[in-house]
Amino acid sequence: MLASKARPQIQKVLDPLSEWAARSSVSPDMVTVIGTIGVAGGALGFFTRGVFFVGTLVITLFVFSDLMDGVIARARGISSKWGAFLDSTSDRVGDGAIFGSLVIWYAGDGDSLPLAGAALLCLVAGSVTSYVKARAEGLGFSCDVGFAERGERLLILLVAAGLYGLGVPYLLPVALWFLVGATLLTVSQRVVHVHRQFVRSGRPTLAPPAGAPASDPAAGQPGAAGGDPSGSASVMTAGSGPDGAPIPAGAGDTPPAATPAHQPQQPSVPAVPRIAPGH
């Protein structure tokens, strides 16, 4: 919410630079890739060593590329689904590098396993937050809700890390634990929001895949063709064996052919005994 309100003001500062880049031969995809490499490099190169102030400056510098690439693409009229996909994927890489670097720091020289766990929770919950929104929109639901979206989380973390690097105590640990609760709350809000839309829409179901066979309503009924052979009606006997055990139908020799109904059966004639000659 906070980042969404601040975005127009930040965009006004970046517009002249973005317009210059749009007139040049710089590709928006290249800007996205360079920004991702810069964010990941700044986090892994500085945060893992506890150099938070300089690391925050480097990361913040390259984070602005996330705003520039879209302006360049729109100015040239080359906005595409591929660009949106690359931008979202790059955001996940950058976030993972930032929080992963904090996990490495606190698990090593930072000497705080609870804070390493908090950074790890922020990393996992942040990924789930983005996935919930992407999956919901892919299914046709809106999901633009949440207490702490990516912009807010990144802003809080970078401000806290920068001031912590200048010597303000406890600020970064407090920010990490705050982000744990805020991110989990955001995930819950989005799940509830999507479920409410699902209920209001009449609980639609997913369409079966193309080419899938239609389901047979009689399938699964005991004794039905193609149903569950474990039903009691599926066991047919044709008599009993010498030990009294039932003989399944069709087992053993081939049954004799049925006599046609229109042909009368011939009475059996006793065999005539043969008489030897001379007797």
Protein backbone atom coordinates (compact mmCIF):
# COMPACT_ATOMS: atom_id res chain seq x y z
CA MET A 1 0.00 0.00 0.00
CA LEU A 2 2.70 2.48 1.00
CA ALA A 3 4.87 1.64 -1.99
CA SER A 4 1.89 1.95 -4.32
CA LYS A 5 1.25 5.51 -3.11
CA ALA A 6 4.91 6.47 -3.34
CA ARG A 7 5.38 4.96 -6.79
CA PRO A 8 4.02 7.97 -8.76
CA GLN A 9 6.41 10.36 -6.98
CA ILE A 10 9.36 8.05 -7.58
CA GLN A 11 8.29 7.68 -11.19
CA LYS A 12 8.41 11.46 -11.70
CA VAL A 13 12.07 11.44 -10.68
CA LEU A 14 12.88 8.53 -12.97
CA ASP A 15 10.88 9.69 -16.00
CA PRO A 16 13.66 11.91 -17.52
CA LEU A 17 16.21 9.09 -17.23
CA SER A 18 13.74 6.56 -18.59
CA GLU A 19 12.87 8.78 -21.57
CA TRP A 20 16.56 9.16 -22.37
CA ALA A 21 17.00 5.39 -22.20
CA ALA A 22 13.94 4.96 -24.44
CA ARG A 23 15.55 7.13 -27.15
CA SER A 24 18.75 5.11 -26.97
CA SER A 25 19.27 1.53 -28.08
CA VAL A 26 19.03 0.13 -24.55
CA SER A 27 16.70 -2.86 -24.42
CA PRO A 28 14.17 -3.00 -21.55
CA ASP A 29 15.02 -6.67 -21.08
CA MET A 30 18.67 -5.70 -20.72
CA VAL A 31 17.74 -3.14 -18.06
CA THR A 32 15.82 -5.85 -16.18
CA VAL A 33 18.72 -8.30 -16.32
CA ILE A 34 21.30 -5.68 -15.28
CA GLY A 35 19.12 -4.58 -12.37
CA THR A 36 18.69 -8.17 -11.16
CA ILE A 37 22.43 -8.84 -11.34
CA GLY A 38 23.12 -5.60 -9.46
CA VAL A 39 20.63 -6.36 -6.69
CA ALA A 40 21.85 -9.93 -6.25
CA GLY A 41 25.50 -8.89 -6.42
CA GLY A 42 25.04 -6.07 -3.91
CA ALA A 43 23.23 -8.34 -1.45
CA LEU A 44 25.64 -11.27 -1.73
CA GLY A 45 28.69 -9.03 -1.82
CA PHE A 46 27.84 -6.76 1.15
CA PHE A 47 25.05 -8.16 3.31
CA THR A 48 26.79 -11.51 3.76
CA ARG A 49 29.75 -9.63 5.29
CA GLY A 50 27.65 -7.36 7.50
CA VAL A 51 28.29 -4.24 5.38
CA PHE A 52 24.70 -3.02 5.44
CA PHE A 53 24.91 0.69 4.63
CA VAL A 54 26.94 0.40 1.44
CA GLY A 55 25.01 -2.72 0.48
CA THR A 56 21.73 -0.85 0.87
CA LEU A 57 22.95 1.97 -1.39
CA VAL A 58 24.01 -0.47 -4.11
CA ILE A 59 20.79 -2.46 -3.92
CA THR A 60 18.62 0.66 -3.94
CA LEU A 61 20.42 1.96 -7.02
CA PHE A 62 19.66 -1.17 -9.00
CA VAL A 63 16.12 -1.59 -7.62
CA PHE A 64 15.12 1.51 -9.54
CA SER A 65 15.68 -0.41 -12.77
CA ASP A 66 12.50 -2.27 -11.89
CA LEU A 67 10.66 0.97 -12.59
CA MET A 68 12.68 1.99 -15.65
CA ASP A 69 12.26 -1.09 -17.81
CA GLY A 70 8.48 -0.72 -17.98
CA VAL A 71 8.72 2.94 -18.96
CA ILE A 72 11.20 2.14 -21.73
CA ALA A 73 9.00 -0.66 -23.08
CA ARG A 74 5.88 1.53 -23.11
CA ALA A 75 7.72 4.46 -24.71
CA ARG A 76 8.84 2.23 -27.57
CA GLY A 77 5.53 0.39 -27.80
CA ILE A 78 7.16 -2.99 -27.25
CA SER A 79 5.46 -4.06 -24.02
CA SER A 80 4.93 -7.80 -24.12
CA LYS A 81 4.02 -10.78 -22.00
CA TRP A 82 7.62 -11.92 -22.17
CA GLY A 83 8.77 -8.66 -20.61
CA ALA A 84 6.24 -8.99 -17.80
CA PHE A 85 7.31 -12.58 -17.21
CA LEU A 86 11.00 -11.68 -17.14
CA ASP A 87 10.35 -8.77 -14.79
CA SER A 88 8.40 -10.91 -12.29
CA THR A 89 10.97 -13.68 -12.40
CA SER A 90 13.79 -11.19 -11.83
CA ASP A 91 11.95 -9.79 -8.80
CA ARG A 92 11.89 -13.25 -7.22
CA VAL A 93 15.63 -13.66 -7.85
CA GLY A 94 16.42 -10.29 -6.28
CA ASP A 95 14.26 -10.89 -3.21
CA GLY A 96 15.79 -14.32 -2.74
CA ALA A 97 19.30 -12.88 -2.90
CA ILE A 98 18.53 -10.16 -0.32
CA PHE A 99 16.89 -12.37 2.30
CA GLY A 100 19.22 -15.25 1.55
CA SER A 101 22.18 -12.99 2.25
CA LEU A 102 20.71 -12.13 5.64
CA VAL A 103 20.28 -15.83 6.38
CA ILE A 104 23.96 -16.39 5.58
CA TRP A 105 25.06 -13.43 7.72
CA TYR A 106 23.06 -14.33 10.81
CA ALA A 107 23.87 -18.03 10.52
CA GLY A 108 27.59 -17.15 10.32
CA ASP A 109 29.32 -14.03 11.58
CA GLY A 110 26.04 -12.48 12.72
CA ASP A 111 25.79 -15.33 15.25
CA SER A 112 22.01 -15.38 15.67
CA LEU A 113 20.09 -18.47 14.61
CA PRO A 114 16.70 -16.92 15.57
CA LEU A 115 17.33 -14.00 13.21
CA ALA A 116 18.59 -16.40 10.54
CA GLY A 117 15.27 -18.22 10.94
CA ALA A 118 13.36 -14.94 10.71
CA ALA A 119 15.13 -14.04 7.47
CA LEU A 120 14.37 -17.51 6.11
CA LEU A 121 10.70 -17.17 7.03
CA CYS A 122 10.60 -13.82 5.24
CA LEU A 123 12.12 -15.45 2.17
CA VAL A 124 9.67 -18.36 2.08
CA ALA A 125 6.58 -16.36 2.99
CA GLY A 126 7.47 -13.69 0.43
CA SER A 127 7.68 -16.32 -2.31
CA VAL A 128 4.33 -17.79 -1.23
CA THR A 129 2.78 -14.30 -1.29
CA SER A 130 3.83 -13.78 -4.90
CA TYR A 131 2.77 -17.30 -5.90
CA VAL A 132 -0.70 -16.89 -4.37
CA LYS A 133 -1.30 -13.75 -6.42
CA ALA A 134 0.04 -15.25 -9.65
CA ARG A 135 -1.98 -18.46 -9.25
CA ALA A 136 -5.17 -16.58 -8.36
CA GLU A 137 -4.90 -14.28 -11.37
CA GLY A 138 -4.14 -17.28 -13.58
CA LEU A 139 -7.48 -18.79 -12.48
CA GLY A 140 -9.37 -15.58 -13.17
CA PHE A 141 -9.55 -14.10 -9.66
CA SER A 142 -8.33 -10.68 -8.56
CA CYS A 143 -5.72 -10.63 -5.80
CA ASP A 144 -4.61 -7.01 -5.37
CA VAL A 145 -4.90 -7.04 -1.58
CA GLY A 146 -2.53 -7.42 1.30
CA PHE A 147 -1.03 -5.51 4.20
CA ALA A 148 2.57 -5.76 2.95
CA GLU A 149 3.14 -6.22 -0.77
CA ARG A 150 6.60 -6.60 -2.30
CA GLY A 151 7.25 -2.85 -2.45
CA GLU A 152 6.45 -2.34 1.22
CA ARG A 153 8.55 -5.32 2.32
CA LEU A 154 11.54 -4.20 0.30
CA LEU A 155 11.25 -0.58 1.48
CA ILE A 156 11.05 -1.55 5.16
CA LEU A 157 13.99 -3.92 4.90
CA LEU A 158 16.30 -1.54 3.01
CA VAL A 159 15.57 1.40 5.31
CA ALA A 160 16.16 -0.75 8.39
CA ALA A 161 19.35 -2.29 6.95
CA GLY A 162 20.74 1.11 5.95
CA LEU A 163 20.13 2.69 9.35
CA TYR A 164 21.39 -0.44 11.11
CA GLY A 165 24.58 -0.10 9.10
CA LEU A 166 24.93 3.47 10.38
CA GLY A 167 24.82 2.25 13.96
CA VAL A 168 21.12 2.34 14.91
CA PRO A 169 20.80 -0.71 17.19
CA TYR A 170 18.10 -3.40 17.02
CA LEU A 171 16.46 -1.83 13.98
CA LEU A 172 17.19 -4.62 11.49
CA PRO A 173 16.19 -7.47 13.87
CA VAL A 174 12.94 -5.67 14.70
CA ALA A 175 12.26 -5.13 10.99
CA LEU A 176 12.82 -8.81 10.24
CA TRP A 177 10.37 -10.02 12.87
CA PHE A 178 7.88 -7.38 11.78
CA LEU A 179 8.15 -8.59 8.18
CA VAL A 180 7.57 -12.19 9.29
CA GLY A 181 4.20 -11.24 10.79
CA ALA A 182 3.31 -8.81 7.99
CA THR A 183 4.07 -11.32 5.24
CA LEU A 184 2.10 -14.12 6.88
CA LEU A 185 -0.79 -11.72 7.33
CA THR A 186 -0.61 -10.80 3.65
CA VAL A 187 -0.73 -14.45 2.59
CA SER A 188 -3.79 -15.02 4.80
CA GLN A 189 -5.55 -11.94 3.43
CA ARG A 190 -5.02 -13.05 -0.16
CA VAL A 191 -6.19 -16.61 0.48
CA VAL A 192 -9.36 -15.35 2.20
CA HIS A 193 -9.96 -12.80 -0.58
CA VAL A 194 -9.74 -15.46 -3.30
CA HIS A 195 -11.96 -17.87 -1.36
CA ARG A 196 -14.66 -15.22 -1.01
CA GLN A 197 -14.61 -14.65 -4.77
CA PHE A 198 -14.82 -18.41 -5.30
CA VAL A 199 -17.93 -18.65 -3.08
CA ARG A 200 -19.62 -15.64 -4.71
CA SER A 201 -19.00 -17.04 -8.20
CA GLY A 202 -20.99 -20.20 -7.49
CA ARG A 203 -17.99 -22.49 -6.84
CA PRO A 204 -16.98 -23.13 -10.48
CA THR A 205 -14.95 -26.23 -11.26
CA LEU A 206 -12.04 -26.66 -13.61
CA ALA A 207 -12.86 -27.91 -17.10
CA PRO A 208 -11.54 -31.41 -17.90
CA PRO A 209 -8.44 -31.53 -20.10
CA ALA A 210 -8.97 -31.69 -23.85
CA GLY A 211 -9.27 -35.27 -25.08
CA ALA A 212 -10.07 -36.69 -21.64
CA PRO A 213 -12.76 -39.43 -21.74
CA ALA A 214 -16.14 -38.47 -20.38
CA SER A 215 -16.91 -39.87 -16.98
CA ASP A 216 -19.45 -42.74 -16.93
CA PRO A 217 -22.07 -42.22 -14.19
CA ALA A 218 -22.43 -45.98 -13.91
CA ALA A 219 -18.70 -46.42 -13.37
CA GLY A 220 -17.78 -47.41 -9.89
CA GLN A 221 -21.16 -49.11 -9.24
CA PRO A 222 -20.88 -52.72 -8.08
CA GLY A 223 -21.72 -55.10 -10.87
CA ALA A 224 -21.70 -52.43 -13.57
CA ALA A 225 -19.60 -52.87 -16.68
CA GLY A 226 -16.28 -51.23 -16.17
CA GLY A 227 -17.12 -50.60 -12.51
CA ASP A 228 -15.37 -51.74 -9.41
CA PRO A 229 -14.72 -55.49 -9.68
CA SER A 230 -14.63 -55.72 -5.90
CA GLY A 231 -18.44 -55.39 -5.63
CA SER A 232 -20.40 -58.41 -4.49
CA ALA A 233 -22.30 -58.64 -7.78
CA SER A 234 -19.07 -58.98 -9.74
CA VAL A 235 -18.35 -62.47 -8.33
CA MET A 236 -20.38 -65.03 -10.33
CA THR A 237 -20.24 -68.76 -9.70
CA ALA A 238 -21.11 -71.57 -12.00
CA GLY A 239 -21.24 -74.34 -9.42
CA SER A 240 -18.90 -75.90 -6.94
CA GLY A 241 -15.83 -78.00 -7.21
CA PRO A 242 -15.09 -81.34 -5.58
CA ASP A 243 -14.09 -79.65 -2.31
CA GLY A 244 -17.18 -77.43 -2.23
CA ALA A 245 -15.36 -74.27 -3.37
CA PRO A 246 -17.26 -72.08 -5.83
CA ILE A 247 -16.09 -72.18 -9.45
CA PRO A 248 -16.07 -68.75 -11.15
CA ALA A 249 -18.08 -68.42 -14.32
CA GLY A 250 -15.96 -68.95 -17.41
CA ALA A 251 -13.37 -71.03 -15.58
CA GLY A 252 -12.49 -74.52 -16.76
CA ASP A 253 -13.49 -76.04 -20.11
CA THR A 254 -15.46 -74.13 -22.69
CA PRO A 255 -19.19 -74.52 -22.00
CA PRO A 256 -21.19 -76.40 -24.66
CA ALA A 257 -22.96 -74.36 -27.28
CA ALA A 258 -26.59 -73.68 -26.59
CA THR A 259 -29.15 -75.67 -28.61
CA PRO A 260 -31.21 -73.44 -30.89
CA ALA A 261 -34.71 -72.99 -29.61
CA HIS A 262 -36.39 -73.87 -32.98
CA GLN A 263 -34.74 -77.30 -33.32
CA PRO A 264 -36.40 -80.08 -31.26
CA GLN A 265 -34.05 -82.31 -29.41
CA GLN A 266 -33.80 -85.91 -30.81
CA PRO A 267 -34.58 -88.71 -28.34
CA SER A 268 -31.64 -90.84 -27.46
CA VAL A 269 -31.62 -94.30 -29.18
CA PRO A 270 -30.13 -97.22 -27.26
CA ALA A 271 -27.19 -98.89 -28.90
CA VAL A 272 -28.01 -102.19 -30.75
CA PRO A 273 -25.81 -105.04 -29.56
CA ARG A 274 -23.74 -106.72 -32.22
CA ILE A 275 -24.24 -110.51 -32.70
CA ALA A 276 -21.34 -112.54 -33.94
CA PRO A 277 -21.95 -114.60 -37.13
CA GLY A 278 -22.95 -118.17 -36.44
CA HIS A 279 -24.69 -117.49 -33.21
